[in-house]
Amino acid sequence: HAAEHFYTSGDLEPLCDFIETRYFQVFDNRDYRWNNELVIKTAFLVVLFSDTFYIMDSETAIDKGYADLSLIIRPDMRKYRLLDHLLE
């Protein structure tokens, strides 16, 4: 439910809590030495992936920078109360 809440509200806190308590609890302290941006991005991608509602992209070029992860509502899904999202 954290993903659905995020899709419509943009509220990251419940989503982050879910990832921390359900996914990252599995890792040992030794695993964190290999942690990098790709690990975090992949965790969000796994939880948020919905190709029914969103076009998802990594490192989307925006102006003079890049968004780590973008979720853009598919044109035929704009009738629903969903939000576009850029995660940086």
N, C-alpha and C. Protein backbone atom coordinates (compact mmCIF):
# COMPACT_ATOMS: atom_id res chain seq x y z
N HIS A 1 0.81 -1.20 0.00
CA HIS A 1 0.00 0.00 0.00
C HIS A 1 0.85 1.27 0.00
N ALA A 2 2.11 1.15 0.41
CA ALA A 2 2.98 2.31 0.44
C ALA A 2 3.20 2.87 -0.97
N ALA A 3 3.30 1.99 -1.96
CA ALA A 3 3.50 2.44 -3.34
C ALA A 3 2.27 3.17 -3.85
N GLU A 4 1.08 2.60 -3.61
CA GLU A 4 -0.15 3.25 -4.07
C GLU A 4 -0.33 4.62 -3.42
N HIS A 5 0.01 4.71 -2.14
CA HIS A 5 -0.07 5.98 -1.43
C HIS A 5 0.88 7.00 -2.09
N PHE A 6 2.09 6.56 -2.40
CA PHE A 6 3.06 7.44 -3.04
C PHE A 6 2.58 7.89 -4.42
N TYR A 7 2.02 6.97 -5.21
CA TYR A 7 1.56 7.32 -6.56
C TYR A 7 0.60 8.51 -6.54
N THR A 8 -0.29 8.56 -5.55
CA THR A 8 -1.34 9.59 -5.53
C THR A 8 -1.00 10.79 -4.66
N SER A 9 -0.04 10.65 -3.74
CA SER A 9 0.24 11.75 -2.81
C SER A 9 1.65 12.32 -2.96
N GLY A 10 2.60 11.51 -3.40
CA GLY A 10 3.99 11.95 -3.45
C GLY A 10 4.68 11.86 -2.10
N ASP A 11 4.00 11.33 -1.10
CA ASP A 11 4.53 11.21 0.26
C ASP A 11 5.54 10.06 0.32
N LEU A 12 6.81 10.40 0.50
CA LEU A 12 7.87 9.40 0.51
C LEU A 12 8.05 8.68 1.85
N GLU A 13 7.61 9.27 2.94
CA GLU A 13 7.91 8.70 4.26
C GLU A 13 7.41 7.27 4.43
N PRO A 14 6.14 6.94 4.14
CA PRO A 14 5.71 5.55 4.29
C PRO A 14 6.47 4.59 3.37
N LEU A 15 6.81 5.06 2.19
CA LEU A 15 7.56 4.24 1.24
C LEU A 15 8.97 3.95 1.77
N CYS A 16 9.63 4.97 2.27
CA CYS A 16 10.97 4.79 2.85
C CYS A 16 10.92 3.87 4.06
N ASP A 17 9.92 4.05 4.92
CA ASP A 17 9.77 3.18 6.08
C ASP A 17 9.61 1.73 5.64
N PHE A 18 8.80 1.49 4.62
CA PHE A 18 8.58 0.13 4.11
C PHE A 18 9.90 -0.47 3.60
N ILE A 19 10.63 0.28 2.80
CA ILE A 19 11.89 -0.22 2.25
C ILE A 19 12.88 -0.52 3.36
N GLU A 20 12.99 0.38 4.34
CA GLU A 20 13.93 0.18 5.44
C GLU A 20 13.58 -1.03 6.29
N THR A 21 12.30 -1.22 6.58
CA THR A 21 11.91 -2.30 7.49
C THR A 21 11.76 -3.65 6.79
N ARG A 22 11.42 -3.66 5.52
CA ARG A 22 11.19 -4.94 4.82
C ARG A 22 12.38 -5.40 3.99
N TYR A 23 13.11 -4.50 3.38
CA TYR A 23 14.22 -4.88 2.51
C TYR A 23 15.57 -4.75 3.19
N PHE A 24 15.85 -3.57 3.71
CA PHE A 24 17.19 -3.32 4.24
C PHE A 24 17.48 -4.06 5.54
N GLN A 25 16.45 -4.53 6.23
CA GLN A 25 16.66 -5.31 7.45
C GLN A 25 17.36 -6.63 7.16
N VAL A 26 17.23 -7.11 5.95
CA VAL A 26 17.83 -8.39 5.57
C VAL A 26 19.35 -8.28 5.50
N PHE A 27 19.85 -7.10 5.17
CA PHE A 27 21.28 -6.93 4.97
C PHE A 27 22.04 -6.89 6.29
N ASP A 28 23.25 -7.38 6.24
CA ASP A 28 24.18 -7.33 7.37
C ASP A 28 25.02 -6.05 7.24
N ASN A 29 25.61 -5.64 8.34
CA ASN A 29 26.47 -4.44 8.29
C ASN A 29 27.56 -4.57 7.24
N ARG A 30 28.05 -5.78 7.04
CA ARG A 30 29.10 -5.99 6.03
C ARG A 30 28.60 -5.69 4.62
N ASP A 31 27.31 -5.87 4.38
CA ASP A 31 26.75 -5.58 3.06
C ASP A 31 26.79 -4.08 2.74
N TYR A 32 26.71 -3.26 3.76
CA TYR A 32 26.62 -1.82 3.53
C TYR A 32 27.91 -1.21 2.99
N ARG A 33 29.01 -1.90 3.12
CA ARG A 33 30.25 -1.34 2.58
C ARG A 33 30.23 -1.30 1.06
N TRP A 34 29.36 -2.10 0.44
CA TRP A 34 29.24 -2.12 -1.02
C TRP A 34 28.03 -1.31 -1.49
N ASN A 35 27.36 -0.66 -0.58
CA ASN A 35 26.16 0.12 -0.89
C ASN A 35 26.53 1.35 -1.72
N ASN A 36 25.71 1.64 -2.73
CA ASN A 36 25.91 2.85 -3.51
C ASN A 36 24.55 3.33 -4.03
N GLU A 37 24.56 4.35 -4.85
CA GLU A 37 23.32 4.94 -5.36
C GLU A 37 22.49 3.92 -6.14
N LEU A 38 23.14 3.03 -6.86
CA LEU A 38 22.42 2.04 -7.66
C LEU A 38 21.60 1.10 -6.77
N VAL A 39 22.11 0.75 -5.61
CA VAL A 39 21.38 -0.12 -4.67
C VAL A 39 20.10 0.57 -4.22
N ILE A 40 20.20 1.82 -3.83
CA ILE A 40 19.04 2.57 -3.37
C ILE A 40 18.03 2.75 -4.50
N LYS A 41 18.51 3.11 -5.68
CA LYS A 41 17.63 3.30 -6.84
C LYS A 41 16.91 2.00 -7.18
N THR A 42 17.62 0.89 -7.12
CA THR A 42 17.02 -0.41 -7.43
C THR A 42 15.95 -0.78 -6.42
N ALA A 43 16.17 -0.47 -5.15
CA ALA A 43 15.15 -0.74 -4.13
C ALA A 43 13.87 0.04 -4.44
N PHE A 44 14.00 1.31 -4.77
CA PHE A 44 12.82 2.11 -5.13
C PHE A 44 12.16 1.57 -6.40
N LEU A 45 12.96 1.18 -7.37
CA LEU A 45 12.42 0.65 -8.63
C LEU A 45 11.63 -0.63 -8.38
N VAL A 46 12.14 -1.51 -7.54
CA VAL A 46 11.45 -2.77 -7.24
C VAL A 46 10.09 -2.49 -6.59
N VAL A 47 10.06 -1.57 -5.65
CA VAL A 47 8.81 -1.28 -4.93
C VAL A 47 7.82 -0.49 -5.78
N LEU A 48 8.32 0.42 -6.61
CA LEU A 48 7.43 1.32 -7.35
C LEU A 48 7.09 0.86 -8.76
N PHE A 49 7.75 -0.16 -9.27
CA PHE A 49 7.57 -0.52 -10.68
C PHE A 49 6.10 -0.82 -11.00
N SER A 50 5.57 -0.07 -11.95
CA SER A 50 4.21 -0.28 -12.43
C SER A 50 4.15 0.17 -13.89
N ASP A 51 4.39 -0.76 -14.80
CA ASP A 51 4.37 -0.37 -16.20
C ASP A 51 2.95 -0.22 -16.74
N THR A 52 1.96 -0.53 -15.91
CA THR A 52 0.57 -0.30 -16.29
C THR A 52 0.26 1.20 -16.25
N PHE A 53 0.73 1.88 -15.21
CA PHE A 53 0.42 3.29 -15.01
C PHE A 53 1.54 4.23 -15.44
N TYR A 54 2.79 3.78 -15.35
CA TYR A 54 3.93 4.68 -15.52
C TYR A 54 4.90 4.23 -16.59
N ILE A 55 5.54 5.22 -17.20
CA ILE A 55 6.75 5.00 -17.99
C ILE A 55 7.88 5.31 -17.02
N MET A 56 8.70 4.33 -16.73
CA MET A 56 9.76 4.50 -15.74
C MET A 56 11.09 4.61 -16.46
N ASP A 57 11.94 5.51 -15.96
CA ASP A 57 13.23 5.75 -16.60
C ASP A 57 14.26 6.12 -15.55
N SER A 58 15.48 5.71 -15.80
CA SER A 58 16.59 6.03 -14.91
C SER A 58 17.50 7.05 -15.59
N GLU A 59 17.97 8.01 -14.80
CA GLU A 59 18.88 9.06 -15.28
C GLU A 59 18.28 9.85 -16.44
N THR A 60 17.03 10.25 -16.27
CA THR A 60 16.34 11.07 -17.26
C THR A 60 16.98 12.45 -17.34
N ALA A 61 17.33 12.89 -18.54
CA ALA A 61 17.92 14.22 -18.72
C ALA A 61 16.85 15.28 -18.49
N ILE A 62 17.15 16.21 -17.57
CA ILE A 62 16.24 17.30 -17.26
C ILE A 62 17.05 18.59 -17.18
N ASP A 63 16.76 19.52 -18.06
CA ASP A 63 17.51 20.78 -18.13
C ASP A 63 19.01 20.49 -18.16
N LYS A 64 19.71 20.90 -17.10
CA LYS A 64 21.17 20.73 -17.06
C LYS A 64 21.59 19.58 -16.15
N GLY A 65 20.66 18.71 -15.79
CA GLY A 65 21.00 17.60 -14.90
C GLY A 65 20.23 16.35 -15.26
N TYR A 66 20.20 15.44 -14.31
CA TYR A 66 19.54 14.15 -14.50
C TYR A 66 18.73 13.79 -13.26
N ALA A 67 17.57 13.20 -13.47
CA ALA A 67 16.77 12.68 -12.37
C ALA A 67 17.18 11.23 -12.16
N ASP A 68 17.40 10.83 -10.92
CA ASP A 68 17.81 9.45 -10.65
C ASP A 68 16.78 8.46 -11.16
N LEU A 69 15.52 8.73 -10.88
CA LEU A 69 14.45 7.84 -11.30
C LEU A 69 13.22 8.68 -11.62
N SER A 70 12.61 8.46 -12.77
CA SER A 70 11.40 9.20 -13.10
C SER A 70 10.26 8.22 -13.36
N LEU A 71 9.08 8.62 -12.90
CA LEU A 71 7.85 7.88 -13.14
C LEU A 71 6.90 8.85 -13.82
N ILE A 72 6.70 8.68 -15.09
CA ILE A 72 5.85 9.56 -15.88
C ILE A 72 4.57 8.79 -16.22
N ILE A 73 3.44 9.38 -15.91
CA ILE A 73 2.16 8.71 -16.16
C ILE A 73 1.98 8.46 -17.65
N ARG A 74 1.59 7.26 -17.98
CA ARG A 74 1.29 6.92 -19.38
C ARG A 74 0.13 7.80 -19.86
N PRO A 75 0.18 8.25 -21.11
CA PRO A 75 -0.87 9.15 -21.61
C PRO A 75 -2.29 8.61 -21.42
N ASP A 76 -2.49 7.32 -21.59
CA ASP A 76 -3.83 6.75 -21.44
C ASP A 76 -4.25 6.56 -19.98
N MET A 77 -3.35 6.85 -19.05
CA MET A 77 -3.66 6.71 -17.62
C MET A 77 -3.82 8.05 -16.92
N ARG A 78 -3.75 9.13 -17.65
CA ARG A 78 -3.88 10.47 -17.06
C ARG A 78 -5.28 10.72 -16.50
N LYS A 79 -6.22 9.88 -16.82
CA LYS A 79 -7.59 10.04 -16.30
C LYS A 79 -7.67 9.68 -14.81
N TYR A 80 -6.65 8.99 -14.29
CA TYR A 80 -6.63 8.62 -12.88
C TYR A 80 -5.92 9.68 -12.05
N ARG A 81 -6.16 9.67 -10.76
CA ARG A 81 -5.58 10.68 -9.87
C ARG A 81 -4.17 10.26 -9.45
N LEU A 82 -3.29 10.19 -10.42
CA LEU A 82 -1.90 9.83 -10.19
C LEU A 82 -1.03 11.04 -10.43
N LEU A 83 0.17 11.00 -9.89
CA LEU A 83 1.12 12.09 -10.06
C LEU A 83 2.35 11.61 -10.82
N ASP A 84 2.95 12.48 -11.60
CA ASP A 84 4.28 12.21 -12.15
C ASP A 84 5.27 12.37 -11.01
N HIS A 85 6.38 11.62 -11.05
CA HIS A 85 7.36 11.70 -9.97
C HIS A 85 8.78 11.73 -10.53
N LEU A 86 9.61 12.56 -9.93
CA LEU A 86 11.05 12.58 -10.19
C LEU A 86 11.75 12.38 -8.86
N LEU A 87 12.57 11.35 -8.79
CA LEU A 87 13.32 11.08 -7.56
C LEU A 87 14.78 11.44 -7.80
N GLU A 88 15.34 12.20 -6.90
CA GLU A 88 16.72 12.64 -7.01
C GLU A 88 17.45 12.32 -5.73
